[in-house]
């Protein structure tokens, strides 16, 4: 299998980050334009409108658990550990991140958000376990 295929899920997640940045910029612009907020309120997240703070929170989420995903993808690439299983796991993780962001930026239903986060965390954990077994020569 082509080891560089592992970077397609990474690129898909990077795209999600830029999408969230665009949503944040748009919401902040609309909030200022409508008079809901003043530009100075964006100096501290605690003073910005809830609609913007939610997006800013989601953006922060994209740099927490996904750090383990990025490192895992790089480790899989370097160790020639990319196969159909690991690639499928990484794509599944990215799908959970898109779903998590969609829920967070729309209904913000904590039940669905927490479930998608949990599934994504388990997927990355399975990837790390697979990497450990690969490095041990077990698989």
N, C-alpha and C. Protein backbone atom coordinates (compact mmCIF):
# COMPACT_ATOMS: atom_id res chain seq x y z
N UNK A 1 0.85 -1.18 0.00
CA UNK A 1 0.00 0.00 0.00
C UNK A 1 0.89 1.24 0.00
N UNK A 2 0.43 2.26 -0.68
CA UNK A 2 1.14 3.54 -0.72
C UNK A 2 1.09 4.19 0.66
N UNK A 3 2.24 4.35 1.29
CA UNK A 3 2.31 4.89 2.64
C UNK A 3 1.84 6.35 2.73
N UNK A 4 1.93 7.08 1.62
CA UNK A 4 1.51 8.48 1.66
C UNK A 4 0.00 8.64 1.68
N UNK A 5 -0.74 7.56 1.48
CA UNK A 5 -2.21 7.63 1.52
C UNK A 5 -2.70 8.09 2.89
N UNK A 6 -1.89 7.92 3.92
CA UNK A 6 -2.28 8.32 5.27
C UNK A 6 -2.45 9.84 5.39
N UNK A 7 -1.89 10.57 4.45
CA UNK A 7 -1.98 12.03 4.53
C UNK A 7 -3.29 12.58 3.97
N UNK A 8 -4.08 11.76 3.27
CA UNK A 8 -5.38 12.24 2.79
C UNK A 8 -6.35 12.53 3.93
N UNK A 9 -6.45 11.64 4.93
CA UNK A 9 -7.30 12.00 6.08
C UNK A 9 -6.77 13.24 6.82
N UNK A 10 -5.46 13.38 6.89
CA UNK A 10 -4.87 14.56 7.53
C UNK A 10 -5.31 15.82 6.77
N UNK A 11 -5.20 15.79 5.45
CA UNK A 11 -5.61 16.94 4.64
C UNK A 11 -7.11 17.22 4.80
N UNK A 12 -7.90 16.17 4.92
CA UNK A 12 -9.34 16.35 5.11
C UNK A 12 -9.62 17.04 6.45
N UNK A 13 -8.84 16.71 7.46
CA UNK A 13 -9.03 17.37 8.76
C UNK A 13 -8.55 18.82 8.70
N UNK A 14 -7.47 19.07 8.01
CA UNK A 14 -6.99 20.45 7.84
C UNK A 14 -8.07 21.28 7.15
N UNK A 15 -8.73 20.70 6.15
CA UNK A 15 -9.83 21.40 5.48
C UNK A 15 -10.93 21.76 6.49
N UNK A 16 -11.25 20.82 7.37
CA UNK A 16 -12.27 21.10 8.39
C UNK A 16 -11.86 22.29 9.25
N UNK A 17 -10.60 22.37 9.62
CA UNK A 17 -10.13 23.48 10.45
C UNK A 17 -10.35 24.80 9.72
N UNK A 18 -10.03 24.84 8.44
CA UNK A 18 -10.24 26.07 7.67
C UNK A 18 -11.72 26.40 7.51
N UNK A 19 -12.55 25.38 7.39
CA UNK A 19 -14.00 25.61 7.32
C UNK A 19 -14.48 26.26 8.63
N UNK A 20 -14.02 25.73 9.76
CA UNK A 20 -14.41 26.29 11.06
C UNK A 20 -13.90 27.72 11.20
N UNK A 21 -12.68 27.99 10.73
CA UNK A 21 -12.17 29.37 10.75
C UNK A 21 -13.09 30.29 9.95
N UNK A 22 -13.55 29.83 8.79
CA UNK A 22 -14.45 30.64 7.96
C UNK A 22 -15.78 30.89 8.67
N UNK A 23 -16.32 29.85 9.31
CA UNK A 23 -17.57 30.01 10.06
C UNK A 23 -17.37 31.01 11.20
N UNK A 24 -16.25 30.90 11.89
CA UNK A 24 -15.97 31.83 12.99
C UNK A 24 -15.87 33.26 12.48
N UNK A 25 -15.13 33.46 11.41
CA UNK A 25 -15.00 34.80 10.85
C UNK A 25 -16.34 35.37 10.43
N UNK A 26 -17.14 34.54 9.79
CA UNK A 26 -18.47 34.98 9.33
C UNK A 26 -19.37 35.34 10.52
N UNK A 27 -19.39 34.48 11.54
CA UNK A 27 -20.25 34.77 12.70
C UNK A 27 -19.79 36.04 13.42
N UNK A 28 -18.50 36.23 13.53
CA UNK A 28 -18.01 37.43 14.20
C UNK A 28 -18.36 38.67 13.37
N UNK A 29 -18.20 38.57 12.07
CA UNK A 29 -18.55 39.70 11.19
C UNK A 29 -20.03 40.05 11.32
N UNK A 30 -20.88 39.03 11.27
CA UNK A 30 -22.33 39.25 11.37
C UNK A 30 -22.68 39.82 12.74
N UNK A 31 -22.04 39.34 13.78
CA UNK A 31 -22.33 39.83 15.13
C UNK A 31 -21.98 41.32 15.26
N UNK A 32 -20.87 41.73 14.69
CA UNK A 32 -20.48 43.14 14.75
C UNK A 32 -21.39 43.97 13.86
N UNK A 33 -21.64 43.47 12.65
CA UNK A 33 -22.48 44.20 11.69
C UNK A 33 -23.90 44.41 12.22
N UNK A 34 -24.44 43.41 12.93
CA UNK A 34 -25.81 43.50 13.44
C UNK A 34 -25.90 44.28 14.75
N UNK A 35 -24.77 44.60 15.34
CA UNK A 35 -24.78 45.32 16.61
C UNK A 35 -24.83 44.41 17.82
N UNK A 36 -24.84 43.10 17.59
CA UNK A 36 -24.85 42.14 18.70
C UNK A 36 -23.55 42.23 19.51
N UNK A 37 -22.47 42.60 18.84
CA UNK A 37 -21.17 42.67 19.51
C UNK A 37 -20.38 43.85 18.96
N UNK A 38 -19.38 44.24 19.72
CA UNK A 38 -18.43 45.26 19.28
C UNK A 38 -17.11 44.53 19.00
N UNK A 39 -16.37 45.03 18.06
CA UNK A 39 -15.10 44.40 17.70
C UNK A 39 -14.20 44.21 18.92
N UNK A 40 -14.26 45.13 19.86
CA UNK A 40 -13.41 45.05 21.04
C UNK A 40 -13.74 43.84 21.92
N UNK A 41 -14.95 43.30 21.77
CA UNK A 41 -15.33 42.14 22.58
C UNK A 41 -14.53 40.89 22.23
N UNK A 42 -13.90 40.88 21.08
CA UNK A 42 -13.16 39.69 20.64
C UNK A 42 -11.75 39.63 21.21
N UNK A 43 -11.41 40.60 22.04
CA UNK A 43 -10.10 40.56 22.69
C UNK A 43 -10.04 39.41 23.70
N UNK A 44 -11.15 39.11 24.32
CA UNK A 44 -11.24 38.00 25.27
C UNK A 44 -12.46 37.17 24.92
N UNK A 45 -12.29 35.87 24.80
CA UNK A 45 -13.38 35.00 24.38
C UNK A 45 -14.58 35.10 25.32
N UNK A 46 -14.34 35.37 26.58
CA UNK A 46 -15.44 35.39 27.55
C UNK A 46 -16.42 36.52 27.31
N UNK A 47 -16.04 37.52 26.52
CA UNK A 47 -16.94 38.65 26.28
C UNK A 47 -17.61 38.60 24.91
N UNK A 48 -17.28 37.62 24.10
CA UNK A 48 -17.90 37.58 22.77
C UNK A 48 -19.25 36.86 22.84
N UNK A 49 -20.13 37.11 21.87
CA UNK A 49 -21.45 36.46 21.88
C UNK A 49 -21.35 34.94 21.87
N UNK A 50 -22.34 34.29 22.43
CA UNK A 50 -22.34 32.83 22.52
C UNK A 50 -22.21 32.16 21.16
N UNK A 51 -22.84 32.72 20.13
CA UNK A 51 -22.78 32.12 18.80
C UNK A 51 -21.35 32.08 18.27
N UNK A 52 -20.55 33.05 18.66
CA UNK A 52 -19.15 33.09 18.24
C UNK A 52 -18.27 32.26 19.17
N UNK A 53 -18.57 32.32 20.46
CA UNK A 53 -17.77 31.55 21.43
C UNK A 53 -17.88 30.06 21.18
N UNK A 54 -19.04 29.60 20.73
CA UNK A 54 -19.22 28.19 20.42
C UNK A 54 -18.30 27.77 19.28
N UNK A 55 -18.21 28.59 18.25
CA UNK A 55 -17.34 28.27 17.12
C UNK A 55 -15.88 28.33 17.56
N UNK A 56 -15.52 29.33 18.35
CA UNK A 56 -14.15 29.43 18.86
C UNK A 56 -13.81 28.20 19.71
N UNK A 57 -14.77 27.73 20.48
CA UNK A 57 -14.56 26.51 21.26
C UNK A 57 -14.35 25.30 20.38
N UNK A 58 -15.11 25.22 19.29
CA UNK A 58 -14.94 24.10 18.37
C UNK A 58 -13.58 24.16 17.71
N UNK A 59 -13.13 25.35 17.38
CA UNK A 59 -11.81 25.49 16.78
C UNK A 59 -10.74 24.99 17.73
N UNK A 60 -10.87 25.30 19.00
CA UNK A 60 -9.93 24.78 20.00
C UNK A 60 -9.98 23.26 20.04
N UNK A 61 -11.18 22.70 19.93
CA UNK A 61 -11.32 21.23 19.92
C UNK A 61 -10.54 20.59 18.79
N UNK A 62 -10.40 21.31 17.67
CA UNK A 62 -9.71 20.74 16.51
C UNK A 62 -8.19 20.66 16.72
N UNK A 63 -7.71 21.19 17.84
CA UNK A 63 -6.27 21.14 18.14
C UNK A 63 -5.99 20.41 19.45
N UNK A 64 -6.95 19.64 19.92
CA UNK A 64 -6.75 18.87 21.15
C UNK A 64 -6.56 17.39 20.79
N UNK A 65 -7.61 16.63 20.76
CA UNK A 65 -7.51 15.21 20.39
C UNK A 65 -6.85 15.00 19.02
N UNK A 66 -7.12 15.85 18.04
CA UNK A 66 -6.48 15.64 16.73
C UNK A 66 -4.95 15.68 16.75
N UNK A 67 -4.35 16.26 17.78
CA UNK A 67 -2.89 16.22 17.86
C UNK A 67 -2.42 14.77 17.90
N UNK A 68 -3.12 13.93 18.65
CA UNK A 68 -2.76 12.51 18.71
C UNK A 68 -2.95 11.85 17.34
N UNK A 69 -3.98 12.26 16.62
CA UNK A 69 -4.24 11.77 15.27
C UNK A 69 -3.09 12.13 14.33
N UNK A 70 -2.65 13.40 14.38
CA UNK A 70 -1.55 13.83 13.51
C UNK A 70 -0.27 13.07 13.79
N UNK A 71 0.08 12.95 15.05
CA UNK A 71 1.31 12.24 15.41
C UNK A 71 1.20 10.77 15.00
N UNK A 72 0.04 10.18 15.21
CA UNK A 72 -0.17 8.79 14.82
C UNK A 72 0.00 8.61 13.31
N UNK A 73 -0.57 9.51 12.54
CA UNK A 73 -0.44 9.41 11.07
C UNK A 73 1.01 9.51 10.65
N UNK A 74 1.75 10.43 11.25
CA UNK A 74 3.17 10.55 10.93
C UNK A 74 3.94 9.30 11.33
N UNK A 75 3.63 8.77 12.51
CA UNK A 75 4.32 7.55 12.99
C UNK A 75 4.00 6.36 12.09
N UNK A 76 2.76 6.24 11.66
CA UNK A 76 2.39 5.16 10.75
C UNK A 76 3.15 5.28 9.43
N UNK A 77 3.26 6.49 8.94
CA UNK A 77 3.98 6.71 7.69
C UNK A 77 5.46 6.35 7.82
N UNK A 78 6.09 6.84 8.87
CA UNK A 78 7.53 6.63 9.07
C UNK A 78 7.87 5.17 9.28
N UNK A 79 6.98 4.42 9.91
CA UNK A 79 7.26 3.02 10.22
C UNK A 79 6.69 2.05 9.19
N UNK A 80 6.19 2.58 8.08
CA UNK A 80 5.54 1.76 7.06
C UNK A 80 4.38 0.96 7.64
N UNK A 81 3.66 1.61 8.54
CA UNK A 81 2.53 0.97 9.20
C UNK A 81 1.18 1.25 8.57
N UNK A 82 1.19 1.92 7.44
CA UNK A 82 -0.07 2.25 6.78
C UNK A 82 -0.57 1.03 6.01
N UNK A 83 -1.79 0.62 6.32
CA UNK A 83 -2.45 -0.45 5.57
C UNK A 83 -3.93 -0.09 5.48
N UNK A 84 -4.72 -0.95 4.92
CA UNK A 84 -6.14 -0.63 4.74
C UNK A 84 -6.85 -0.41 6.07
N UNK A 85 -6.48 -1.16 7.08
CA UNK A 85 -7.11 -1.00 8.39
C UNK A 85 -6.78 0.37 8.99
N UNK A 86 -5.50 0.71 9.03
CA UNK A 86 -5.12 1.98 9.64
C UNK A 86 -5.67 3.16 8.84
N UNK A 87 -5.69 3.03 7.53
CA UNK A 87 -6.25 4.09 6.70
C UNK A 87 -7.75 4.25 6.97
N UNK A 88 -8.45 3.13 7.08
CA UNK A 88 -9.89 3.18 7.38
C UNK A 88 -10.13 3.80 8.76
N UNK A 89 -9.30 3.46 9.73
CA UNK A 89 -9.44 4.05 11.07
C UNK A 89 -9.24 5.56 11.03
N UNK A 90 -8.24 6.01 10.31
CA UNK A 90 -7.97 7.45 10.26
C UNK A 90 -9.09 8.20 9.54
N UNK A 91 -9.63 7.60 8.46
CA UNK A 91 -10.78 8.22 7.80
C UNK A 91 -12.00 8.25 8.73
N UNK A 92 -12.19 7.19 9.47
CA UNK A 92 -13.32 7.14 10.41
C UNK A 92 -13.16 8.24 11.47
N UNK A 93 -11.93 8.45 11.93
CA UNK A 93 -11.70 9.52 12.90
C UNK A 93 -12.08 10.88 12.31
N UNK A 94 -11.66 11.11 11.07
CA UNK A 94 -11.97 12.39 10.43
C UNK A 94 -13.49 12.57 10.29
N UNK A 95 -14.19 11.51 9.96
CA UNK A 95 -15.65 11.59 9.87
C UNK A 95 -16.24 11.99 11.22
N UNK A 96 -15.72 11.43 12.31
CA UNK A 96 -16.23 11.81 13.64
C UNK A 96 -15.95 13.27 13.94
N UNK A 97 -14.82 13.80 13.45
CA UNK A 97 -14.50 15.21 13.69
C UNK A 97 -15.44 16.12 12.90
N UNK A 98 -15.75 15.74 11.66
CA UNK A 98 -16.70 16.53 10.87
C UNK A 98 -18.08 16.50 11.53
N UNK A 99 -18.49 15.32 11.99
CA UNK A 99 -19.80 15.22 12.64
C UNK A 99 -19.81 16.04 13.93
N UNK A 100 -18.75 15.92 14.72
CA UNK A 100 -18.64 16.67 15.97
C UNK A 100 -18.72 18.17 15.70
N UNK A 101 -18.01 18.65 14.69
CA UNK A 101 -18.03 20.07 14.35
C UNK A 101 -19.43 20.49 13.88
N UNK A 102 -20.05 19.68 13.06
CA UNK A 102 -21.39 19.99 12.57
C UNK A 102 -22.38 20.13 13.72
N UNK A 103 -22.33 19.17 14.65
CA UNK A 103 -23.24 19.23 15.81
C UNK A 103 -22.91 20.46 16.65
N UNK A 104 -21.63 20.68 16.91
CA UNK A 104 -21.20 21.79 17.75
C UNK A 104 -21.63 23.14 17.17
N UNK A 105 -21.56 23.27 15.84
CA UNK A 105 -21.86 24.55 15.20
C UNK A 105 -23.32 24.74 14.85
N UNK A 106 -24.13 23.70 15.02
CA UNK A 106 -25.56 23.82 14.72
C UNK A 106 -26.36 23.68 16.01
N UNK A 107 -26.81 22.49 16.32
CA UNK A 107 -27.68 22.30 17.50
C UNK A 107 -26.90 22.36 18.81
N UNK A 108 -25.62 22.05 18.76
CA UNK A 108 -24.77 21.96 19.95
C UNK A 108 -25.35 20.99 20.98
N UNK A 109 -25.95 19.93 20.48
CA UNK A 109 -26.53 18.89 21.33
C UNK A 109 -25.39 18.11 21.98
N UNK A 110 -25.24 18.27 23.28
CA UNK A 110 -24.12 17.66 23.99
C UNK A 110 -24.13 16.14 23.91
N UNK A 111 -25.32 15.56 23.83
CA UNK A 111 -25.42 14.10 23.75
C UNK A 111 -24.71 13.61 22.48
N UNK A 112 -25.00 14.22 21.33
CA UNK A 112 -24.38 13.80 20.07
C UNK A 112 -22.91 14.22 20.00
N UNK A 113 -22.63 15.39 20.53
CA UNK A 113 -21.24 15.86 20.54
C UNK A 113 -20.35 14.94 21.34
N UNK A 114 -20.79 14.58 22.54
CA UNK A 114 -19.96 13.72 23.40
C UNK A 114 -19.81 12.32 22.81
N UNK A 115 -20.86 11.82 22.18
CA UNK A 115 -20.76 10.50 21.56
C UNK A 115 -19.77 10.50 20.41
N UNK A 116 -19.84 11.52 19.57
CA UNK A 116 -18.91 11.57 18.44
C UNK A 116 -17.48 11.77 18.93
N UNK A 117 -17.30 12.55 20.00
CA UNK A 117 -15.97 12.71 20.57
C UNK A 117 -15.46 11.37 21.09
N UNK A 118 -16.29 10.66 21.82
CA UNK A 118 -15.89 9.38 22.41
C UNK A 118 -15.51 8.38 21.31
N UNK A 119 -16.33 8.28 20.27
CA UNK A 119 -16.03 7.35 19.17
C UNK A 119 -14.69 7.72 18.52
N UNK A 120 -14.48 9.01 18.29
CA UNK A 120 -13.22 9.45 17.71
C UNK A 120 -12.03 9.12 18.60
N UNK A 121 -12.19 9.32 19.90
CA UNK A 121 -11.10 9.02 20.85
C UNK A 121 -10.78 7.53 20.85
N UNK A 122 -11.80 6.69 20.79
CA UNK A 122 -11.58 5.24 20.75
C UNK A 122 -10.88 4.84 19.45
N UNK A 123 -11.27 5.45 18.35
CA UNK A 123 -10.64 5.15 17.06
C UNK A 123 -9.15 5.47 17.10
N UNK A 124 -8.80 6.63 17.62
CA UNK A 124 -7.39 7.00 17.70
C UNK A 124 -6.65 6.06 18.66
N UNK A 125 -7.28 5.69 19.76
CA UNK A 125 -6.67 4.73 20.67
C UNK A 125 -6.39 3.40 19.97
N UNK A 126 -7.35 2.92 19.20
CA UNK A 126 -7.14 1.67 18.44
C UNK A 126 -5.97 1.81 17.48
N UNK A 127 -5.86 2.99 16.86
CA UNK A 127 -4.73 3.23 15.97
C UNK A 127 -3.40 3.17 16.70
N UNK A 128 -3.35 3.74 17.89
CA UNK A 128 -2.12 3.68 18.68
C UNK A 128 -1.80 2.26 19.13
N UNK A 129 -2.82 1.51 19.48
CA UNK A 129 -2.59 0.11 19.85
C UNK A 129 -2.04 -0.66 18.65
N UNK A 130 -2.64 -0.42 17.48
CA UNK A 130 -2.17 -1.10 16.27
C UNK A 130 -0.71 -0.73 16.02
N UNK A 131 -0.36 0.55 16.16
CA UNK A 131 1.02 0.98 15.95
C UNK A 131 1.97 0.27 16.92
N UNK A 132 1.58 0.18 18.17
CA UNK A 132 2.42 -0.50 19.17
C UNK A 132 2.64 -1.96 18.78
N UNK A 133 1.57 -2.64 18.37
CA UNK A 133 1.71 -4.04 17.95
C UNK A 133 2.56 -4.15 16.69
N UNK A 134 2.43 -3.21 15.79
CA UNK A 134 3.25 -3.18 14.58
C UNK A 134 4.72 -3.01 14.94
N UNK A 135 5.02 -2.10 15.86
CA UNK A 135 6.40 -1.87 16.25
C UNK A 135 7.00 -3.08 16.99
N UNK A 136 6.15 -3.80 17.70
CA UNK A 136 6.60 -5.00 18.39
C UNK A 136 6.77 -6.18 17.44
N UNK A 137 6.30 -6.03 16.22
CA UNK A 137 6.39 -7.11 15.24
C UNK A 137 5.31 -8.17 15.40
N UNK A 138 4.31 -7.88 16.20
CA UNK A 138 3.24 -8.85 16.44
C UNK A 138 2.33 -8.93 15.22
N UNK A 139 2.13 -7.81 14.56
CA UNK A 139 1.28 -7.79 13.35
C UNK A 139 2.03 -7.16 12.19
